[in-house]
Protein backbone atom coordinates (compact mmCIF):
# COMPACT_ATOMS: atom_id res chain seq x y z
CA MET A 1 10.58 6.14 -6.39
CA LEU A 2 9.88 9.83 -6.97
CA SER A 3 8.31 11.01 -10.17
CA GLY A 4 6.94 14.17 -11.64
CA LYS A 5 7.81 16.75 -13.74
CA PRO A 6 11.49 18.01 -13.67
CA TRP A 7 10.27 21.53 -12.68
CA GLY A 8 7.41 20.85 -10.46
CA VAL A 9 6.16 18.91 -7.67
CA ARG A 10 7.47 15.25 -6.87
CA TYR A 11 5.15 12.30 -6.07
CA ALA A 12 6.07 9.19 -4.05
CA ASN A 13 5.22 6.10 -5.62
CA TYR A 14 5.85 2.26 -5.60
CA LEU A 15 7.00 0.44 -8.67
CA CYS A 16 5.47 -3.32 -8.67
CA GLN A 17 8.26 -5.86 -9.53
CA THR A 18 6.16 -9.05 -9.33
CA GLU A 19 5.76 -10.67 -12.77
CA ALA A 20 2.32 -12.27 -11.78
CA CYS A 21 1.11 -9.10 -10.51
CA ALA A 22 -1.30 -7.09 -12.69
CA SER A 23 0.39 -3.94 -11.69
CA TYR A 24 3.70 -5.46 -12.88
CA GLY A 25 5.90 -2.50 -14.31
CA LYS A 26 3.53 0.05 -13.11
CA SER A 27 3.85 2.69 -10.61
CA ILE A 28 1.25 2.83 -7.76
CA ALA A 29 0.82 6.09 -5.62
CA ARG A 30 2.18 5.75 -2.09
CA TYR A 31 -1.13 7.07 -0.53
CA LYS A 32 -3.08 4.08 -2.24
CA VAL A 33 -0.66 1.25 -1.02
CA GLU A 34 -0.50 2.96 2.44
CA LYS A 35 -4.18 3.35 2.64
CA GLN A 36 -4.93 -0.53 1.67
CA MET A 37 -2.07 -1.58 4.00
CA ASP A 38 -3.89 0.34 7.17
CA ALA A 39 -6.99 -1.38 6.23
CA LEU A 40 -5.38 -4.71 6.13
CA LEU A 41 -3.73 -4.30 9.37
CA ASN A 42 -6.72 -2.97 11.14
CA ARG A 43 -8.93 -5.72 9.97
CA ALA A 44 -6.01 -8.01 11.02
CA LEU A 45 -5.78 -6.51 14.64
CA ASP A 46 -9.73 -6.43 14.99
CA ALA A 47 -9.83 -10.33 14.39
CA THR A 48 -7.00 -10.79 17.06
CA ASN A 49 -8.40 -8.52 19.40
CA SER A 50 -11.94 -10.26 19.17
CA THR A 51 -10.25 -13.65 19.65
CA ILE A 52 -8.37 -12.55 22.76
CA ILE A 53 -11.44 -11.01 24.44
CA ARG A 54 -13.40 -14.13 23.67
CA LYS A 55 -10.66 -16.51 25.47
């Protein structure tokens, strides 16, 4: 979803569609979602790498 002023800059956002979520029906900036996803994946990969190295 792109939002912004009709005459200005457009911003990429995600729209939460999960009713149980605190952000339901709200737009979330793409960079925030992607930043959190990168951190989550890095933690998962670090845990996997440390497990593989120990064996």
